[in-house]
């Protein structure tokens, strides 16, 4: 059975992030997630923590490229 999964969500929509976490729970995981919606926040999250999985929005509205 899957266990705790540290997930970084690069997602501009809180609703979409919640749906992703819900689906992970349905799969038996216990996600510990953080959502970021800017390049600065992404860089900080990557520098401060380690993640099992990073899920990114295909086309985040908040920024067009990942520059801090």
C-alpha atoms as a PDB file:
ATOM      1  CA  UNK A   1       0.000   0.000   0.000  1.00  0.00           C
ATOM      2  CA  UNK A   2       1.360   3.452  -0.894  1.00  0.00           C
ATOM      3  CA  UNK A   3       2.368   5.728   1.958  1.00  0.00           C
ATOM      4  CA  UNK A   4       3.207   9.363   2.532  1.00  0.00           C
ATOM      5  CA  UNK A   5       4.050  11.242  -0.651  1.00  0.00           C
ATOM      6  CA  UNK A   6       5.610  14.718  -0.542  1.00  0.00           C
ATOM      7  CA  UNK A   7       4.145  16.573  -3.509  1.00  0.00           C
ATOM      8  CA  UNK A   8       4.966  20.018  -4.844  1.00  0.00           C
ATOM      9  CA  UNK A   9       2.145  21.369  -6.995  1.00  0.00           C
ATOM     10  CA  UNK A  10       3.028  24.097  -9.489  1.00  0.00           C
ATOM     11  CA  UNK A  11      -0.541  25.152 -10.101  1.00  0.00           C
ATOM     12  CA  UNK A  12      -2.292  28.512 -10.395  1.00  0.00           C
ATOM     13  CA  UNK A  13      -5.708  27.077  -9.501  1.00  0.00           C
ATOM     14  CA  UNK A  14      -6.433  26.090  -5.898  1.00  0.00           C
ATOM     15  CA  UNK A  15      -9.351  23.961  -7.134  1.00  0.00           C
ATOM     16  CA  UNK A  16      -7.153  22.018  -9.559  1.00  0.00           C
ATOM     17  CA  UNK A  17      -4.540  21.466  -6.838  1.00  0.00           C
ATOM     18  CA  UNK A  18      -7.226  20.170  -4.471  1.00  0.00           C
ATOM     19  CA  UNK A  19      -8.454  17.794  -7.168  1.00  0.00           C
ATOM     20  CA  UNK A  20      -4.944  16.412  -7.674  1.00  0.00           C
ATOM     21  CA  UNK A  21      -4.540  15.823  -3.932  1.00  0.00           C
ATOM     22  CA  UNK A  22      -7.969  14.170  -3.822  1.00  0.00           C
ATOM     23  CA  UNK A  23      -7.006  11.791  -6.633  1.00  0.00           C
ATOM     24  CA  UNK A  24      -3.755  10.879  -4.874  1.00  0.00           C
ATOM     25  CA  UNK A  25      -5.727  10.071  -1.721  1.00  0.00           C
ATOM     26  CA  UNK A  26      -8.126   7.908  -3.740  1.00  0.00           C
ATOM     27  CA  UNK A  27      -5.052   6.010  -4.921  1.00  0.00           C
ATOM     28  CA  UNK A  28      -4.120   5.220  -1.332  1.00  0.00           C
ATOM     29  CA  UNK A  29      -1.410   7.847  -0.885  1.00  0.00           C
ATOM     30  CA  UNK A  30      -1.201  10.260   2.026  1.00  0.00           C
ATOM     31  CA  UNK A  31      -0.018  13.372   0.207  1.00  0.00           C
ATOM     32  CA  UNK A  32       1.741  16.143   2.052  1.00  0.00           C
ATOM     33  CA  UNK A  33       1.486  18.893  -0.519  1.00  0.00           C
ATOM     34  CA  UNK A  34       2.459  22.478  -1.105  1.00  0.00           C
ATOM     35  CA  UNK A  35       1.068  24.581  -3.939  1.00  0.00           C
ATOM     36  CA  UNK A  36       3.126  27.316  -5.559  1.00  0.00           C
ATOM     37  CA  UNK A  37       2.003  29.682  -8.290  1.00  0.00           C
ATOM     38  CA  UNK A  38       5.051  31.794  -9.040  1.00  0.00           C
ATOM     39  CA  UNK A  39       8.597  31.233 -10.167  1.00  0.00           C
ATOM     40  CA  UNK A  40       9.951  32.756  -6.954  1.00  0.00           C
ATOM     41  CA  UNK A  41       7.831  30.453  -4.785  1.00  0.00           C
ATOM     42  CA  UNK A  42       8.848  27.464  -6.896  1.00  0.00           C
ATOM     43  CA  UNK A  43      12.551  28.248  -6.489  1.00  0.00           C
ATOM     44  CA  UNK A  44      12.101  28.637  -2.714  1.00  0.00           C
ATOM     45  CA  UNK A  45      10.175  25.371  -2.385  1.00  0.00           C
ATOM     46  CA  UNK A  46      12.788  23.468  -4.371  1.00  0.00           C
ATOM     47  CA  UNK A  47      15.629  24.964  -2.333  1.00  0.00           C
ATOM     48  CA  UNK A  48      14.022  24.445   1.081  1.00  0.00           C
ATOM     49  CA  UNK A  49      12.560  20.950   0.846  1.00  0.00           C
ATOM     50  CA  UNK A  50      12.917  17.638  -0.926  1.00  0.00           C
ATOM     51  CA  UNK A  51       9.955  16.299  -2.881  1.00  0.00           C
ATOM     52  CA  UNK A  52       8.907  12.861  -4.009  1.00  0.00           C
ATOM     53  CA  UNK A  53       6.885  14.290  -6.856  1.00  0.00           C
ATOM     54  CA  UNK A  54       6.519  17.643  -8.608  1.00  0.00           C
ATOM     55  CA  UNK A  55       3.364  18.140 -10.648  1.00  0.00           C
ATOM     56  CA  UNK A  56       3.188  21.169 -12.915  1.00  0.00           C
ATOM     57  CA  UNK A  57       0.356  22.867 -14.684  1.00  0.00           C
ATOM     58  CA  UNK A  58       0.839  22.595 -18.443  1.00  0.00           C
ATOM     59  CA  UNK A  59       0.405  26.338 -18.951  1.00  0.00           C
ATOM     60  CA  UNK A  60       0.427  28.279 -15.681  1.00  0.00           C
ATOM     61  CA  UNK A  61      -1.311  31.621 -16.015  1.00  0.00           C
ATOM     62  CA  UNK A  62       0.713  33.327 -13.282  1.00  0.00           C
ATOM     63  CA  UNK A  63       3.951  33.338 -15.253  1.00  0.00           C
ATOM     64  CA  UNK A  64       5.141  32.455 -18.698  1.00  0.00           C
ATOM     65  CA  UNK A  65       8.586  31.118 -17.866  1.00  0.00           C
ATOM     66  CA  UNK A  66      10.442  29.999 -14.778  1.00  0.00           C
ATOM     67  CA  UNK A  67      12.687  32.929 -13.957  1.00  0.00           C
ATOM     68  CA  UNK A  68      13.134  34.030 -10.377  1.00  0.00           C
END
